[in-house]
Amino acid sequence: MVADIEWERDPGWFCADCQVHTGLIGEYYMVRKDLWQLYGADRDMLCIECLESRVGRELRPQDFPELPVNNPAIYPKSELIMSRMRGY
């Protein structure tokens, strides 16, 4: 039996590019499926800055579908991701 890994150390939360813990910095989110298929990390995580680097632009409100995971009342968000979701 595999021991449970504390979420702070769970490798599934670390950005595939820069290794920052996306959950701890408030960057747990989903973008449109087509955007993730083109630039994402399959089942891995990416922080906002690394995804934007891959996409070549800042994310926009329309990039974030209306899903519970994108609701800051349910999952706290970083100021950076909130600015992208608001569009300023």
PDB file of N, CA and C in Angstrom:
ATOM      1  N   MET A   1       0.842  -1.192   0.000  1.00  0.00           N
ATOM      2  CA  MET A   1       0.000   0.000   0.000  1.00  0.00           C
ATOM      3  C   MET A   1       0.882   1.249   0.000  1.00  0.00           C
ATOM      4  N   VAL A   2       0.560   2.195  -0.840  1.00  0.00           N
ATOM      5  CA  VAL A   2       1.328   3.436  -0.935  1.00  0.00           C
ATOM      6  C   VAL A   2       0.828   4.407   0.124  1.00  0.00           C
ATOM      7  N   ALA A   3       1.759   5.002   0.855  1.00  0.00           N
ATOM      8  CA  ALA A   3       1.391   5.986   1.878  1.00  0.00           C
ATOM      9  C   ALA A   3       0.874   7.249   1.214  1.00  0.00           C
ATOM     10  N   ASP A   4      -0.081   7.894   1.855  1.00  0.00           N
ATOM     11  CA  ASP A   4      -0.582   9.170   1.347  1.00  0.00           C
ATOM     12  C   ASP A   4       0.525  10.217   1.415  1.00  0.00           C
ATOM     13  N   ILE A   5       0.605  11.023   0.382  1.00  0.00           N
ATOM     14  CA  ILE A   5       1.579  12.123   0.340  1.00  0.00           C
ATOM     15  C   ILE A   5       0.853  13.390   0.736  1.00  0.00           C
ATOM     16  N   GLU A   6       1.436  14.153   1.657  1.00  0.00           N
ATOM     17  CA  GLU A   6       0.841  15.432   2.008  1.00  0.00           C
ATOM     18  C   GLU A   6       0.756  16.278   0.742  1.00  0.00           C
ATOM     19  N   TRP A   7      -0.360  17.009   0.598  1.00  0.00           N
ATOM     20  CA  TRP A   7      -0.575  17.746  -0.647  1.00  0.00           C
ATOM     21  C   TRP A   7       0.510  18.767  -0.917  1.00  0.00           C
ATOM     22  N   GLU A   8       1.154  19.310   0.124  1.00  0.00           N
ATOM     23  CA  GLU A   8       2.218  20.292  -0.083  1.00  0.00           C
ATOM     24  C   GLU A   8       3.436  19.675  -0.763  1.00  0.00           C
ATOM     25  N   ARG A   9       3.585  18.362  -0.633  1.00  0.00           N
ATOM     26  CA  ARG A   9       4.730  17.674  -1.239  1.00  0.00           C
ATOM     27  C   ARG A   9       4.327  16.806  -2.423  1.00  0.00           C
ATOM     28  N   ASP A  10       3.057  16.749  -2.710  1.00  0.00           N
ATOM     29  CA  ASP A  10       2.559  15.916  -3.805  1.00  0.00           C
ATOM     30  C   ASP A  10       3.081  16.452  -5.131  1.00  0.00           C
ATOM     31  N   PRO A  11       3.841  15.669  -5.889  1.00  0.00           N
ATOM     32  CA  PRO A  11       4.420  16.160  -7.141  1.00  0.00           C
ATOM     33  C   PRO A  11       3.382  16.571  -8.179  1.00  0.00           C
ATOM     34  N   GLY A  12       2.162  16.111  -8.053  1.00  0.00           N
ATOM     35  CA  GLY A  12       1.117  16.473  -8.992  1.00  0.00           C
ATOM     36  C   GLY A  12       0.735  17.941  -8.951  1.00  0.00           C
ATOM     37  N   TRP A  13       1.104  18.658  -7.904  1.00  0.00           N
ATOM     38  CA  TRP A  13       0.764  20.072  -7.761  1.00  0.00           C
ATOM     39  C   TRP A  13       1.837  21.005  -8.305  1.00  0.00           C
ATOM     40  N   PHE A  14       3.007  20.492  -8.632  1.00  0.00           N
ATOM     41  CA  PHE A  14       4.114  21.346  -9.050  1.00  0.00           C
ATOM     42  C   PHE A  14       4.046  21.663 -10.542  1.00  0.00           C
ATOM     43  N   CYS A  15       4.315  22.917 -10.875  1.00  0.00           N
ATOM     44  CA  CYS A  15       4.332  23.342 -12.276  1.00  0.00           C
ATOM     45  C   CYS A  15       5.357  22.505 -13.043  1.00  0.00           C
ATOM     46  N   ALA A  16       4.940  21.981 -14.184  1.00  0.00           N
ATOM     47  CA  ALA A  16       5.814  21.136 -14.994  1.00  0.00           C
ATOM     48  C   ALA A  16       7.032  21.888 -15.517  1.00  0.00           C
ATOM     49  N   ASP A  17       6.939  23.225 -15.620  1.00  0.00           N
ATOM     50  CA  ASP A  17       8.050  24.004 -16.179  1.00  0.00           C
ATOM     51  C   ASP A  17       8.955  24.609 -15.112  1.00  0.00           C
ATOM     52  N   CYS A  18       8.381  25.290 -14.125  1.00  0.00           N
ATOM     53  CA  CYS A  18       9.214  26.015 -13.149  1.00  0.00           C
ATOM     54  C   CYS A  18       9.239  25.375 -11.761  1.00  0.00           C
ATOM     55  N   GLN A  19       8.404  24.379 -11.542  1.00  0.00           N
ATOM     56  CA  GLN A  19       8.357  23.617 -10.297  1.00  0.00           C
ATOM     57  C   GLN A  19       7.756  24.347  -9.095  1.00  0.00           C
ATOM     58  N   VAL A  20       7.105  25.495  -9.298  1.00  0.00           N
ATOM     59  CA  VAL A  20       6.416  26.160  -8.201  1.00  0.00           C
ATOM     60  C   VAL A  20       5.187  25.316  -7.847  1.00  0.00           C
ATOM     61  N   HIS A  21       4.798  25.313  -6.586  1.00  0.00           N
ATOM     62  CA  HIS A  21       3.617  24.568  -6.137  1.00  0.00           C
ATOM     63  C   HIS A  21       2.373  25.392  -6.478  1.00  0.00           C
ATOM     64  N   THR A  22       1.640  24.966  -7.498  1.00  0.00           N
ATOM     65  CA  THR A  22       0.515  25.745  -7.996  1.00  0.00           C
ATOM     66  C   THR A  22      -0.601  25.915  -6.978  1.00  0.00           C
ATOM     67  N   GLY A  23      -0.807  24.937  -6.133  1.00  0.00           N
ATOM     68  CA  GLY A  23      -1.843  25.040  -5.106  1.00  0.00           C
ATOM     69  C   GLY A  23      -1.487  26.046  -4.030  1.00  0.00           C
ATOM     70  N   LEU A  24      -0.240  26.027  -3.607  1.00  0.00           N
ATOM     71  CA  LEU A  24       0.187  26.943  -2.551  1.00  0.00           C
ATOM     72  C   LEU A  24       0.186  28.396  -2.999  1.00  0.00           C
ATOM     73  N   ILE A  25       0.383  28.650  -4.298  1.00  0.00           N
ATOM     74  CA  ILE A  25       0.383  30.043  -4.774  1.00  0.00           C
ATOM     75  C   ILE A  25      -0.987  30.472  -5.293  1.00  0.00           C
ATOM     76  N   GLY A  26      -1.989  29.592  -5.180  1.00  0.00           N
ATOM     77  CA  GLY A  26      -3.348  29.958  -5.596  1.00  0.00           C
ATOM     78  C   GLY A  26      -3.555  29.921  -7.097  1.00  0.00           C
ATOM     79  N   GLU A  27      -2.867  29.013  -7.776  1.00  0.00           N
ATOM     80  CA  GLU A  27      -3.016  28.915  -9.231  1.00  0.00           C
ATOM     81  C   GLU A  27      -3.493  27.520  -9.632  1.00  0.00           C
ATOM     82  N   TYR A  28      -4.582  27.114  -8.996  1.00  0.00           N
ATOM     83  CA  TYR A  28      -5.302  25.894  -9.350  1.00  0.00           C
ATOM     84  C   TYR A  28      -6.476  26.359 -10.194  1.00  0.00           C
ATOM     85  N   TYR A  29      -6.518  25.958 -11.463  1.00  0.00           N
ATOM     86  CA  TYR A  29      -7.471  26.523 -12.417  1.00  0.00           C
ATOM     87  C   TYR A  29      -7.648  25.564 -13.591  1.00  0.00           C
ATOM     88  N   MET A  30      -8.593  25.891 -14.442  1.00  0.00           N
ATOM     89  CA  MET A  30      -8.743  25.212 -15.730  1.00  0.00           C
ATOM     90  C   MET A  30      -8.952  26.263 -16.806  1.00  0.00           C
ATOM     91  N   VAL A  31      -8.367  26.014 -17.956  1.00  0.00           N
ATOM     92  CA  VAL A  31      -8.597  26.860 -19.124  1.00  0.00           C
ATOM     93  C   VAL A  31      -9.393  26.035 -20.145  1.00  0.00           C
ATOM     94  N   ARG A  32      -9.802  26.703 -21.197  1.00  0.00           N
ATOM     95  CA  ARG A  32     -10.545  26.003 -22.257  1.00  0.00           C
ATOM     96  C   ARG A  32      -9.791  24.760 -22.708  1.00  0.00           C
ATOM     97  N   LYS A  33     -10.517  23.724 -23.032  1.00  0.00           N
ATOM     98  CA  LYS A  33      -9.925  22.456 -23.439  1.00  0.00           C
ATOM     99  C   LYS A  33      -9.012  22.605 -24.657  1.00  0.00           C
ATOM    100  N   ASP A  34      -9.436  23.379 -25.646  1.00  0.00           N
ATOM    101  CA  ASP A  34      -8.621  23.534 -26.851  1.00  0.00           C
ATOM    102  C   ASP A  34      -7.295  24.229 -26.548  1.00  0.00           C
ATOM    103  N   LEU A  35      -7.319  25.205 -25.647  1.00  0.00           N
ATOM    104  CA  LEU A  35      -6.102  25.919 -25.255  1.00  0.00           C
ATOM    105  C   LEU A  35      -5.146  24.977 -24.529  1.00  0.00           C
ATOM    106  N   TRP A  36      -5.679  24.182 -23.601  1.00  0.00           N
ATOM    107  CA  TRP A  36      -4.843  23.247 -22.841  1.00  0.00           C
ATOM    108  C   TRP A  36      -4.277  22.165 -23.762  1.00  0.00           C
ATOM    109  N   GLN A  37      -5.075  21.695 -24.714  1.00  0.00           N
ATOM    110  CA  GLN A  37      -4.580  20.664 -25.631  1.00  0.00           C
ATOM    111  C   GLN A  37      -3.415  21.175 -26.470  1.00  0.00           C
ATOM    112  N   LEU A  38      -3.444  22.442 -26.836  1.00  0.00           N
ATOM    113  CA  LEU A  38      -2.357  23.008 -27.640  1.00  0.00           C
ATOM    114  C   LEU A  38      -1.107  23.335 -26.829  1.00  0.00           C
ATOM    115  N   TYR A  39      -1.291  23.863 -25.617  1.00  0.00           N
ATOM    116  CA  TYR A  39      -0.157  24.420 -24.871  1.00  0.00           C
ATOM    117  C   TYR A  39       0.055  23.837 -23.484  1.00  0.00           C
ATOM    118  N   GLY A  40      -0.850  23.022 -23.015  1.00  0.00           N
ATOM    119  CA  GLY A  40      -0.780  22.518 -21.655  1.00  0.00           C
ATOM    120  C   GLY A  40       0.256  21.436 -21.455  1.00  0.00           C
ATOM    121  N   ALA A  41       0.183  20.845 -20.301  1.00  0.00           N
ATOM    122  CA  ALA A  41       1.145  19.822 -19.911  1.00  0.00           C
ATOM    123  C   ALA A  41       0.433  18.493 -19.686  1.00  0.00           C
ATOM    124  N   ASP A  42      -0.554  18.189 -20.545  1.00  0.00           N
ATOM    125  CA  ASP A  42      -1.353  16.973 -20.439  1.00  0.00           C
ATOM    126  C   ASP A  42      -2.002  16.919 -19.060  1.00  0.00           C
ATOM    127  N   ARG A  43      -1.586  16.006 -18.219  1.00  0.00           N
ATOM    128  CA  ARG A  43      -2.185  15.875 -16.886  1.00  0.00           C
ATOM    129  C   ARG A  43      -1.385  16.608 -15.812  1.00  0.00           C
ATOM    130  N   ASP A  44      -0.268  17.196 -16.197  1.00  0.00           N
ATOM    131  CA  ASP A  44       0.546  17.952 -15.249  1.00  0.00           C
ATOM    132  C   ASP A  44      -0.075  19.322 -15.010  1.00  0.00           C
ATOM    133  N   MET A  45       0.518  20.066 -14.112  1.00  0.00           N
ATOM    134  CA  MET A  45       0.063  21.414 -13.784  1.00  0.00           C
ATOM    135  C   MET A  45       1.033  22.426 -14.397  1.00  0.00           C
ATOM    136  N   LEU A  46       0.505  23.612 -14.647  1.00  0.00           N
ATOM    137  CA  LEU A  46       1.325  24.748 -15.066  1.00  0.00           C
ATOM    138  C   LEU A  46       0.862  25.967 -14.287  1.00  0.00           C
ATOM    139  N   CYS A  47       1.798  26.764 -13.791  1.00  0.00           N
ATOM    140  CA  CYS A  47       1.417  28.040 -13.196  1.00  0.00           C
ATOM    141  C   CYS A  47       0.985  28.962 -14.341  1.00  0.00           C
ATOM    142  N   ILE A  48       0.331  30.048 -14.014  1.00  0.00           N
ATOM    143  CA  ILE A  48      -0.169  30.965 -15.030  1.00  0.00           C
ATOM    144  C   ILE A  48       0.968  31.520 -15.892  1.00  0.00           C
ATOM    145  N   GLU A  49       2.052  31.921 -15.254  1.00  0.00           N
ATOM    146  CA  GLU A  49       3.159  32.506 -16.028  1.00  0.00           C
ATOM    147  C   GLU A  49       3.752  31.518 -17.022  1.00  0.00           C
ATOM    148  N   CYS A  50       3.883  30.263 -16.642  1.00  0.00           N
ATOM    149  CA  CYS A  50       4.448  29.271 -17.568  1.00  0.00           C
ATOM    150  C   CYS A  50       3.473  28.948 -18.690  1.00  0.00           C
ATOM    151  N   LEU A  51       2.174  28.876 -18.395  1.00  0.00           N
ATOM    152  CA  LEU A  51       1.208  28.658 -19.466  1.00  0.00           C
ATOM    153  C   LEU A  51       1.225  29.843 -20.423  1.00  0.00           C
ATOM    154  N   GLU A  52       1.253  31.060 -19.885  1.00  0.00           N
ATOM    155  CA  GLU A  52       1.305  32.248 -20.747  1.00  0.00           C
ATOM    156  C   GLU A  52       2.565  32.254 -21.609  1.00  0.00           C
ATOM    157  N   SER A  53       3.658  31.801 -21.054  1.00  0.00           N
ATOM    158  CA  SER A  53       4.899  31.725 -21.823  1.00  0.00           C
ATOM    159  C   SER A  53       4.742  30.765 -22.997  1.00  0.00           C
ATOM    160  N   ARG A  54       4.097  29.648 -22.761  1.00  0.00           N
ATOM    161  CA  ARG A  54       3.873  28.685 -23.841  1.00  0.00           C
ATOM    162  C   ARG A  54       2.910  29.238 -24.890  1.00  0.00           C
ATOM    163  N   VAL A  55       1.855  29.927 -24.436  1.00  0.00           N
ATOM    164  CA  VAL A  55       0.840  30.465 -25.339  1.00  0.00           C
ATOM    165  C   VAL A  55       1.376  31.669 -26.107  1.00  0.00           C
ATOM    166  N   GLY A  56       2.251  32.447 -25.471  1.00  0.00           N
ATOM    167  CA  GLY A  56       2.805  33.632 -26.110  1.00  0.00           C
ATOM    168  C   GLY A  56       1.983  34.886 -25.899  1.00  0.00           C
ATOM    169  N   ARG A  57       1.098  34.861 -24.900  1.00  0.00           N
ATOM    170  CA  ARG A  57       0.275  36.032 -24.566  1.00  0.00           C
ATOM    171  C   ARG A  57      -0.281  35.857 -23.156  1.00  0.00           C
ATOM    172  N   GLU A  58      -0.808  36.958 -22.619  1.00  0.00           N
ATOM    173  CA  GLU A  58      -1.493  36.873 -21.331  1.00  0.00           C
ATOM    174  C   GLU A  58      -2.832  36.174 -21.523  1.00  0.00           C
ATOM    175  N   LEU A  59      -3.235  35.429 -20.515  1.00  0.00           N
ATOM    176  CA  LEU A  59      -4.548  34.797 -20.558  1.00  0.00           C
ATOM    177  C   LEU A  59      -5.630  35.851 -20.405  1.00  0.00           C
ATOM    178  N   ARG A  60      -6.807  35.570 -20.935  1.00  0.00           N
ATOM    179  CA  ARG A  60      -7.949  36.495 -20.925  1.00  0.00           C
ATOM    180  C   ARG A  60      -9.125  35.835 -20.223  1.00  0.00           C
ATOM    181  N   PRO A  61     -10.098  36.636 -19.800  1.00  0.00           N
ATOM    182  CA  PRO A  61     -11.264  36.054 -19.119  1.00  0.00           C
ATOM    183  C   PRO A  61     -11.917  34.922 -19.911  1.00  0.00           C
ATOM    184  N   GLN A  62     -12.002  35.051 -21.233  1.00  0.00           N
ATOM    185  CA  GLN A  62     -12.659  34.024 -22.039  1.00  0.00           C
ATOM    186  C   GLN A  62     -11.865  32.717 -22.104  1.00  0.00           C
ATOM    187  N   ASP A  63     -10.628  32.716 -21.625  1.00  0.00           N
ATOM    188  CA  ASP A  63      -9.826  31.489 -21.584  1.00  0.00           C
ATOM    189  C   ASP A  63     -10.234  30.574 -20.429  1.00  0.00           C
ATOM    190  N   PHE A  64     -10.946  31.134 -19.447  1.00  0.00           N
ATOM    191  CA  PHE A  64     -11.324  30.389 -18.250  1.00  0.00           C
ATOM    192  C   PHE A  64     -12.807  30.031 -18.297  1.00  0.00           C
ATOM    193  N   PRO A  65     -13.151  28.764 -18.484  1.00  0.00           N
ATOM    194  CA  PRO A  65     -14.567  28.392 -18.506  1.00  0.00           C
ATOM    195  C   PRO A  65     -15.186  28.558 -17.114  1.00  0.00           C
ATOM    196  N   GLU A  66     -16.492  28.740 -17.095  1.00  0.00           N
ATOM    197  CA  GLU A  66     -17.205  28.866 -15.818  1.00  0.00           C
ATOM    198  C   GLU A  66     -17.357  27.486 -15.203  1.00  0.00           C
ATOM    199  N   LEU A  67     -16.411  27.154 -14.352  1.00  0.00           N
ATOM    200  CA  LEU A  67     -16.377  25.878 -13.649  1.00  0.00           C
ATOM    201  C   LEU A  67     -16.090  26.138 -12.176  1.00  0.00           C
ATOM    202  N   PRO A  68     -16.521  25.241 -11.297  1.00  0.00           N
ATOM    203  CA  PRO A  68     -16.240  25.435  -9.866  1.00  0.00           C
ATOM    204  C   PRO A  68     -14.757  25.642  -9.563  1.00  0.00           C
ATOM    205  N   VAL A  69     -13.872  24.964 -10.281  1.00  0.00           N
ATOM    206  CA  VAL A  69     -12.440  25.097 -10.018  1.00  0.00           C
ATOM    207  C   VAL A  69     -11.953  26.526 -10.264  1.00  0.00           C
ATOM    208  N   ASN A  70     -12.626  27.267 -11.105  1.00  0.00           N
ATOM    209  CA  ASN A  70     -12.234  28.649 -11.396  1.00  0.00           C
ATOM    210  C   ASN A  70     -12.940  29.667 -10.514  1.00  0.00           C
ATOM    211  N   ASN A  71     -13.734  29.225  -9.586  1.00  0.00           N
ATOM    212  CA  ASN A  71     -14.465  30.115  -8.685  1.00  0.00           C
ATOM    213  C   ASN A  71     -13.598  30.444  -7.467  1.00  0.00           C
ATOM    214  N   PRO A  72     -13.190  31.703  -7.307  1.00  0.00           N
ATOM    215  CA  PRO A  72     -12.320  32.056  -6.175  1.00  0.00           C
ATOM    216  C   PRO A  72     -12.991  31.916  -4.811  1.00  0.00           C
ATOM    217  N   ALA A  73     -14.319  31.836  -4.784  1.00  0.00           N
ATOM    218  CA  ALA A  73     -15.015  31.612  -3.515  1.00  0.00           C
ATOM    219  C   ALA A  73     -14.840  30.162  -3.052  1.00  0.00           C
ATOM    220  N   ILE A  74     -14.564  29.275  -3.987  1.00  0.00           N
ATOM    221  CA  ILE A  74     -14.366  27.859  -3.659  1.00  0.00           C
ATOM    222  C   ILE A  74     -12.880  27.545  -3.518  1.00  0.00           C
ATOM    223  N   TYR A  75     -12.098  28.010  -4.484  1.00  0.00           N
ATOM    224  CA  TYR A  75     -10.649  27.792  -4.489  1.00  0.00           C
ATOM    225  C   TYR A  75      -9.958  29.148  -4.540  1.00  0.00           C
ATOM    226  N   PRO A  76      -9.322  29.577  -3.456  1.00  0.00           N
ATOM    227  CA  PRO A  76      -8.648  30.880  -3.455  1.00  0.00           C
ATOM    228  C   PRO A  76      -7.651  31.001  -4.612  1.00  0.00           C
ATOM    229  N   LYS A  77      -7.597  32.186  -5.188  1.00  0.00           N
ATOM    230  CA  LYS A  77      -6.748  32.437  -6.358  1.00  0.00           C
ATOM    231  C   LYS A  77      -5.707  33.508  -6.067  1.00  0.00           C
ATOM    232  N   SER A  78      -4.576  33.415  -6.761  1.00  0.00           N
ATOM    233  CA  SER A  78      -3.538  34.441  -6.661  1.00  0.00           C
ATOM    234  C   SER A  78      -4.053  35.726  -7.304  1.00  0.00           C
ATOM    235  N   GLU A  79      -3.442  36.836  -6.963  1.00  0.00           N
ATOM    236  CA  GLU A  79      -3.808  38.112  -7.579  1.00  0.00           C
ATOM    237  C   GLU A  79      -3.555  38.070  -9.086  1.00  0.00           C
ATOM    238  N   LEU A  80      -2.500  37.390  -9.503  1.00  0.00           N
ATOM    239  CA  LEU A  80      -2.191  37.290 -10.933  1.00  0.00           C
ATOM    240  C   LEU A  80      -3.317  36.588 -11.685  1.00  0.00           C
ATOM    241  N   ILE A  81      -3.753  35.455 -11.204  1.00  0.00           N
ATOM    242  CA  ILE A  81      -4.823  34.744 -11.905  1.00  0.00           C
ATOM    243  C   ILE A  81      -6.130  35.531 -11.847  1.00  0.00           C
ATOM    244  N   MET A  82      -6.392  36.198 -10.739  1.00  0.00           N
ATOM    245  CA  MET A  82      -7.602  37.020 -10.637  1.00  0.00           C
ATOM    246  C   MET A  82      -7.564  38.145 -11.659  1.00  0.00           C
ATOM    247  N   SER A  83      -6.402  38.760 -11.861  1.00  0.00           N
ATOM    248  CA  SER A  83      -6.312  39.837 -12.855  1.00  0.00           C
ATOM    249  C   SER A  83      -6.576  39.308 -14.260  1.00  0.00           C
ATOM    250  N   ARG A  84      -6.151  38.086 -14.538  1.00  0.00           N
ATOM    251  CA  ARG A  84      -6.411  37.498 -15.857  1.00  0.00           C
ATOM    252  C   ARG A  84      -7.891  37.161 -16.018  1.00  0.00           C
ATOM    253  N   MET A  85      -8.498  36.665 -14.963  1.00  0.00           N
ATOM    254  CA  MET A  85      -9.916  36.310 -15.024  1.00  0.00           C
ATOM    255  C   MET A  85     -10.806  37.547 -15.153  1.00  0.00           C
ATOM    256  N   ARG A  86     -10.347  38.675 -14.586  1.00  0.00           N
ATOM    257  CA  ARG A  86     -11.103  39.940 -14.677  1.00  0.00           C
ATOM    258  C   ARG A  86     -10.797  40.680 -15.970  1.00  0.00           C
ATOM    259  N   GLY A  87      -9.630  40.436 -16.534  1.00  0.00           N
ATOM    260  CA  GLY A  87      -9.230  41.119 -17.753  1.00  0.00           C
ATOM    261  C   GLY A  87      -8.478  42.418 -17.520  1.00  0.00           C
ATOM    262  N   TYR A  88      -7.979  42.633 -16.307  1.00  0.00           N
ATOM    263  CA  TYR A  88      -7.150  43.808 -16.004  1.00  0.00           C
ATOM    264  C   TYR A  88      -6.284  43.538 -14.803  1.00  0.00           C
TER     265      TYR A  88
END
